[in-house]
Protein backbone atom coordinates (compact mmCIF):
# COMPACT_ATOMS: atom_id res chain seq x y z
CA MET A 1 104.24 72.97 122.08
CA SER A 2 105.12 75.56 124.71
CA THR A 3 105.69 74.70 128.33
CA PRO A 4 104.29 76.54 131.37
CA SER A 5 107.75 77.86 132.21
CA GLU A 6 108.32 79.23 128.73
CA PRO A 7 104.94 80.27 127.39
CA GLY A 8 105.04 80.58 123.65
CA HIS A 9 108.82 80.68 123.30
CA ASP A 10 109.20 77.12 122.01
CA ARG A 11 106.56 77.77 119.39
CA PRO A 12 107.91 79.05 116.11
CA GLU A 13 106.45 82.34 115.06
CA PRO A 14 103.96 81.93 112.21
CA ALA A 15 106.02 80.40 109.41
CA LEU A 16 107.60 83.02 107.17
CA SER A 17 106.68 80.91 104.16
CA GLU A 18 103.03 80.94 105.27
CA ILE A 19 103.01 84.72 105.63
CA VAL A 20 104.89 85.46 102.43
CA GLY A 21 102.84 82.80 100.63
CA GLU A 22 99.75 84.95 101.11
CA ARG A 23 101.21 87.68 98.90
CA ARG A 24 99.79 86.33 95.64
CA HIS A 25 96.31 86.07 97.14
CA LEU A 26 96.54 89.59 98.59
CA ILE A 27 97.74 91.10 95.29
CA ASN A 28 94.89 89.36 93.45
CA LEU A 29 92.38 90.66 95.97
CA ALA A 30 93.73 94.21 96.11
CA TYR A 31 93.96 94.62 92.33
CA ARG A 32 90.34 93.58 91.88
CA LEU A 33 89.27 95.90 94.67
CA LEU A 34 91.28 98.92 93.49
CA GLY A 35 91.71 98.51 89.72
CA SER A 36 95.27 99.76 90.08
CA LEU A 37 98.34 97.57 90.28
CA ALA A 38 100.38 100.32 91.93
CA GLU A 39 97.71 100.94 94.58
CA ALA A 40 97.32 97.18 95.10
CA GLU A 41 101.05 96.81 95.73
CA ASP A 42 100.97 99.71 98.20
CA ALA A 43 97.98 98.18 100.02
CA VAL A 44 99.70 94.80 100.31
CA GLN A 45 102.92 96.43 101.48
CA GLU A 46 100.99 98.29 104.18
CA THR A 47 99.31 95.02 105.19
CA TYR A 48 102.67 93.35 105.75
CA THR A 49 103.98 96.42 107.56
CA ARG A 50 101.13 96.10 110.04
CA TRP A 51 101.77 92.40 110.50
CA TYR A 52 105.45 92.88 111.27
CA ALA A 53 104.60 95.75 113.63
CA LEU A 54 102.87 93.21 115.89
CA SER A 55 104.83 91.74 118.74
CA ARG A 56 105.59 88.04 118.59
CA PRO A 57 102.99 87.21 121.26
CA GLN A 58 100.41 89.15 119.25
CA GLN A 59 101.31 87.23 116.09
CA GLU A 60 101.17 83.92 117.93
CA ALA A 61 97.72 84.77 119.29
CA ILE A 62 96.34 85.06 115.74
CA GLU A 63 94.74 81.73 114.89
CA SER A 64 94.84 82.24 111.11
CA PRO A 65 97.50 84.66 109.85
CA GLY A 66 96.10 84.36 106.32
CA ALA A 67 92.63 85.44 107.44
CA TRP A 68 94.15 88.29 109.45
CA LEU A 69 96.13 89.52 106.45
CA THR A 70 93.04 89.37 104.23
CA THR A 71 90.97 91.29 106.76
CA VAL A 72 93.59 94.02 107.09
CA ALA A 73 94.13 94.23 103.32
CA GLY A 74 90.36 94.48 102.79
CA ARG A 75 90.07 97.34 105.27
CA ILE A 76 93.02 99.17 103.73
CA CYS A 77 91.49 98.81 100.26
CA LEU A 78 88.14 100.06 101.56
CA ASP A 79 89.86 103.20 102.86
CA VAL A 80 91.77 103.63 99.59
CA LEU A 81 88.56 103.31 97.57
CA GLY A 82 86.98 106.07 99.64
CA SER A 83 89.85 108.47 99.03
CA ALA A 84 90.21 107.36 95.39
CA ARG A 85 86.75 108.69 94.60
CA VAL A 86 87.92 112.18 95.55
CA ARG A 87 91.19 111.84 93.62
CA ARG A 88 89.46 110.57 90.50
CA GLU A 89 87.08 113.51 90.51
CA ARG A 90 90.18 115.66 89.97
CA TYR A 91 91.69 113.30 87.40
CA VAL A 92 92.33 114.85 84.00
CA GLY A 93 90.01 113.13 81.52
CA GLU A 94 88.59 109.65 81.90
CA TRP A 95 89.97 107.17 84.46
CA ILE A 96 90.37 103.56 83.30
CA PRO A 97 91.63 100.69 85.48
CA GLU A 98 95.28 99.83 85.03
CA PRO A 99 95.74 97.16 82.31
CA LEU A 100 97.56 93.90 83.00
CA PRO A 101 99.80 92.01 80.55
CA ASP A 102 100.19 88.29 80.10
CA ARG A 103 103.94 88.01 80.61
CA THR A 104 104.20 84.70 78.76
CA GLU A 105 103.47 86.45 75.46
CA TRP A 106 106.59 88.61 75.57
CA PRO A 107 110.20 87.70 74.76
CA GLY A 108 112.01 86.56 77.88
CA GLY A 109 108.93 85.11 79.54
CA PRO A 110 107.57 86.08 82.94
CA ALA A 111 109.39 88.62 85.07
CA GLY A 112 111.07 87.32 88.17
CA GLY A 113 111.87 84.01 86.49
CA SER A 114 113.77 82.89 89.57
CA GLY A 115 110.43 82.23 91.27
CA SER A 116 111.00 84.95 93.84
CA GLU A 117 107.93 86.01 95.79
CA ARG A 118 109.08 89.57 95.26
CA ALA A 119 108.48 89.33 91.54
CA ASP A 120 106.55 92.15 89.91
CA PRO A 121 102.97 92.07 91.24
CA ALA A 122 101.67 91.91 87.67
CA ASP A 123 103.07 88.38 87.50
CA GLN A 124 100.99 87.35 90.49
CA VAL A 125 97.55 88.43 89.30
CA THR A 126 95.49 85.56 87.93
CA LEU A 127 94.07 86.56 84.55
CA ASP A 128 90.45 85.41 84.55
CA GLU A 129 87.02 86.90 83.88
CA SER A 130 87.12 88.85 87.15
CA VAL A 131 89.90 91.08 85.79
CA ASN A 132 88.62 91.70 82.27
CA MET A 133 88.35 95.40 81.55
CA ALA A 134 84.57 95.48 81.11
CA PHE A 135 84.14 93.86 84.52
CA LEU A 136 86.57 96.25 86.23
CA VAL A 137 84.89 99.28 84.67
CA VAL A 138 81.53 98.20 86.12
CA LEU A 139 83.19 97.80 89.52
CA GLU A 140 84.27 101.44 89.33
CA ALA A 141 80.60 102.50 89.38
CA MET A 142 79.98 100.72 92.69
CA THR A 143 80.26 102.19 96.14
CA PRO A 144 83.40 101.09 98.02
CA ALA A 145 81.34 98.86 100.35
CA GLU A 146 79.50 97.26 97.41
CA ARG A 147 82.73 96.54 95.63
CA VAL A 148 84.42 95.00 98.66
CA ALA A 149 81.40 92.87 99.60
CA PHE A 150 80.89 91.67 96.03
CA ILE A 151 84.54 90.84 95.28
CA LEU A 152 85.11 89.08 98.58
CA HIS A 153 81.91 87.02 98.33
CA ASP A 154 81.32 86.36 94.63
CA VAL A 155 84.93 86.18 93.45
CA PHE A 156 86.84 84.94 96.51
CA ARG A 157 83.94 83.08 98.20
CA TYR A 158 84.29 84.63 101.64
CA PRO A 159 81.24 84.18 103.92
CA PHE A 160 79.26 87.30 104.75
CA ALA A 161 80.11 86.92 108.45
CA GLU A 162 83.79 87.49 107.66
CA ILE A 163 83.04 90.25 105.16
CA ALA A 164 80.99 92.04 107.82
CA ASP A 165 84.11 92.27 109.99
CA ILE A 166 86.00 93.93 107.14
CA VAL A 167 83.30 96.31 105.96
CA GLY A 168 82.02 97.18 109.42
CA ARG A 169 78.41 96.25 108.70
CA THR A 170 76.13 93.35 109.56
CA PRO A 171 76.23 90.14 107.52
CA ALA A 172 72.71 90.91 106.29
CA ALA A 173 73.80 94.36 105.12
CA CYS A 174 76.80 92.83 103.32
CA ARG A 175 74.49 90.37 101.61
CA GLN A 176 72.42 93.31 100.35
CA LEU A 177 75.55 95.10 99.16
CA ALA A 178 76.68 92.07 97.16
CA SER A 179 73.18 91.63 95.74
CA SER A 180 73.11 95.28 94.60
CA ALA A 181 76.54 94.89 93.00
CA ARG A 182 75.38 91.73 91.25
CA ARG A 183 72.46 93.59 89.68
CA ARG A 184 74.89 96.22 88.35
CA ILE A 185 77.00 93.49 86.75
CA ARG A 186 74.00 91.74 85.17
CA GLY A 187 72.72 95.02 83.77
CA THR A 188 75.90 95.59 81.75
CA GLN A 189 76.90 92.09 80.69
CA ALA A 190 77.00 91.39 76.97
CA PRO A 191 76.39 87.87 75.59
CA PRO A 192 79.57 85.81 75.90
CA VAL A 193 81.86 85.61 72.88
CA ALA A 194 84.11 82.60 72.28
CA PRO A 195 87.82 83.43 72.78
CA ALA A 196 88.61 82.50 69.18
CA GLY A 197 85.89 84.85 67.97
CA GLN A 198 87.23 87.67 70.14
CA ALA A 199 90.78 87.18 68.90
CA GLY A 200 89.66 87.07 65.27
CA LEU A 201 87.67 90.28 65.64
CA VAL A 202 90.61 92.09 67.26
CA ARG A 203 92.95 90.81 64.53
CA ARG A 204 90.68 92.12 61.76
CA PHE A 205 90.40 95.41 63.64
CA LYS A 206 94.20 95.65 63.80
CA GLU A 207 94.58 94.89 60.11
CA ALA A 208 91.96 97.50 59.12
CA TRP A 209 93.64 100.11 61.33
CA GLU A 210 97.07 99.36 59.87
CA ALA A 211 95.65 99.61 56.35
CA LYS A 212 93.82 102.86 57.25
CA ASP A 213 90.71 101.23 55.84
CA ILE A 214 87.97 103.37 57.32
CA GLU A 215 85.17 101.36 55.71
CA ALA A 216 86.48 98.13 57.22
CA LEU A 217 86.81 99.78 60.62
CA VAL A 218 83.25 101.10 60.49
CA ASP A 219 82.04 97.62 59.56
CA LEU A 220 83.84 96.11 62.56
CA LEU A 221 82.49 98.71 65.00
CA ASP A 222 78.99 98.67 66.41
CA PRO A 223 77.15 101.84 65.26
CA ASP A 224 76.73 102.79 68.95
CA ALA A 225 80.29 101.86 69.96
CA THR A 226 82.18 103.98 72.47
CA MET A 227 85.90 104.58 72.82
CA ILE A 228 87.33 105.89 76.08
CA ALA A 229 90.94 107.02 76.43
CA ASP A 230 92.96 107.57 79.59
CA GLY A 231 95.98 109.85 79.39
CA GLY A 232 95.82 111.24 82.91
CA GLY A 233 96.84 114.67 81.62
CA LEU A 234 100.34 113.32 81.00
CA VAL A 235 100.00 112.61 77.27
CA GLY A 236 97.73 113.90 74.56
CA THR A 237 94.42 112.12 74.06
CA VAL A 238 90.69 112.79 73.90
CA LEU A 239 89.30 113.86 77.28
CA ARG A 240 85.76 112.68 76.60
CA PRO A 241 84.41 109.43 75.17
CA VAL A 242 84.25 109.18 71.38
CA GLU A 243 80.81 107.84 70.51
CA GLY A 244 79.61 106.16 67.34
CA GLY A 245 81.38 103.70 65.06
CA GLU A 246 82.03 106.22 62.27
CA ARG A 247 83.51 108.83 64.60
CA ILE A 248 85.75 106.24 66.25
CA ALA A 249 86.98 105.01 62.87
CA GLN A 250 87.75 108.57 61.76
CA TYR A 251 89.62 109.24 64.99
CA LEU A 252 91.71 106.07 64.62
CA ILE A 253 92.68 106.98 61.06
CA HIS A 254 93.63 110.45 62.32
CA ILE A 255 95.88 108.85 64.95
CA ALA A 256 97.50 106.60 62.34
CA ASP A 257 98.24 109.63 60.16
CA LYS A 258 99.73 111.59 63.08
CA ALA A 259 101.94 108.76 64.32
CA PRO A 260 103.70 107.12 61.36
CA GLY A 261 105.72 104.09 62.35
CA LEU A 262 103.24 102.99 65.01
CA THR A 263 103.50 99.23 65.54
CA LEU A 264 100.40 97.29 66.61
CA LEU A 265 100.82 94.02 68.51
CA GLU A 266 98.13 91.49 69.39
CA ARG A 267 98.43 90.89 73.11
CA THR A 268 96.31 89.61 75.96
CA VAL A 269 95.00 92.54 77.99
CA ASN A 270 93.46 91.63 81.34
CA GLY A 271 92.88 88.08 80.17
CA GLY A 272 91.25 88.98 76.82
CA PRO A 273 92.42 89.76 73.27
CA GLY A 274 93.70 93.32 72.98
CA LEU A 275 96.16 95.52 71.15
CA VAL A 276 99.39 97.19 72.18
CA ALA A 277 100.67 100.18 70.22
CA GLN A 278 104.41 100.81 70.27
CA HIS A 279 106.40 103.73 68.92
CA VAL A 280 110.15 103.25 68.51
CA GLY A 281 109.85 100.11 70.62
CA VAL A 282 108.13 101.85 73.54
CA THR A 283 104.59 100.93 74.54
CA VAL A 284 102.44 104.06 74.24
CA THR A 285 98.92 102.64 74.29
CA VAL A 286 97.22 99.48 75.53
CA ALA A 287 93.71 98.85 74.22
CA ALA A 288 91.08 96.49 75.61
CA PHE A 289 87.88 95.60 73.79
CA SER A 290 84.32 94.54 74.47
CA HIS A 291 82.28 92.80 71.77
CA SER A 292 78.70 91.91 70.94
CA GLY A 293 77.07 90.53 67.84
CA GLY A 294 80.41 90.15 66.07
CA ARG A 295 81.29 93.83 66.42
CA VAL A 296 83.35 95.95 68.79
CA THR A 297 81.13 97.80 71.25
CA ARG A 298 83.71 99.32 73.62
CA ILE A 299 87.35 100.30 73.35
CA TRP A 300 89.37 101.30 76.41
CA ALA A 301 92.66 102.92 75.38
CA ILE A 302 95.10 103.43 78.24
CA ARG A 303 97.84 105.95 77.45
CA ASN A 304 98.77 107.22 80.89
CA PRO A 305 102.46 106.21 81.11
CA GLU A 306 102.16 105.65 84.86
CA LYS A 307 99.69 102.85 84.11
CA LEU A 308 101.86 101.33 81.39
CA ARG A 309 104.88 100.53 83.57
CA PRO A 310 104.35 96.73 83.46
CA TRP A 311 103.98 96.90 79.67
CA THR A 312 107.05 99.06 79.14
CA GLU A 313 109.18 96.85 81.38
CA VAL A 314 107.94 93.58 79.91
CA GLY A 315 108.56 94.84 76.40
CA GLN A 316 112.21 95.41 77.27
CA ARG A 317 112.83 91.85 78.43
């Protein structure tokens, strides 16, 4: 404890391990709020920059550094979400959240195997139902305040009194925001599919695509299925959703004909069974799926190379 003659100077500054130990939590929070690993990393970096800009007395006056970091990260993400809406209106084609790999499925294991806290942020995101692609896509339709209130309360279990301090609204207003977000989620949820059933469906889809079996593909696709591709204007792809099982199957066969030598790998994408397409060993597409009634209802194909950085790097390990 400090003495009257040396106020605060015998107290250690908040333990470095405590501050750095919050990084995983902050990355998990920021990715769910922003849907972009790169933006999440930037938000967390800015959070730490603001912490280290405080004087030591200011740091010592903070009762809970972890709560302070979360509050700051939440506010930064709220600001980013506001500006992201404008940027995404100018985005070329459809915008899909950045896909996350499961590093344990690739040769060489997880990145940053030394256990360093500065490992790639993709290694620090917990792959659960709150990062599956269907869930993240619904989050994109929410207002920034809805998204922040919902994620903080329903996913991370923060009380509305603390969320109010981040969002700048009353606890009652934050409760309403989370309730509105919850209704959006319920309105789009498909009946749950067992993991084994999902993996089997994706495997059959892969085999039909490799065989260029259009009838098998049509049978595996819901008649009202939709495929959305994200190239960001950096690579060639469809700019609008492809709707209908038959049209999707025809498009996939067209792609297979145009890109001979394409290798399809079964990989976990955002915690669920997905496919990775590689050409000459380089990841060119990551596809996530949604299913219902034993058929594929949604395909999200991410081709924007800026969003495939974790997949390209992990494939090289």
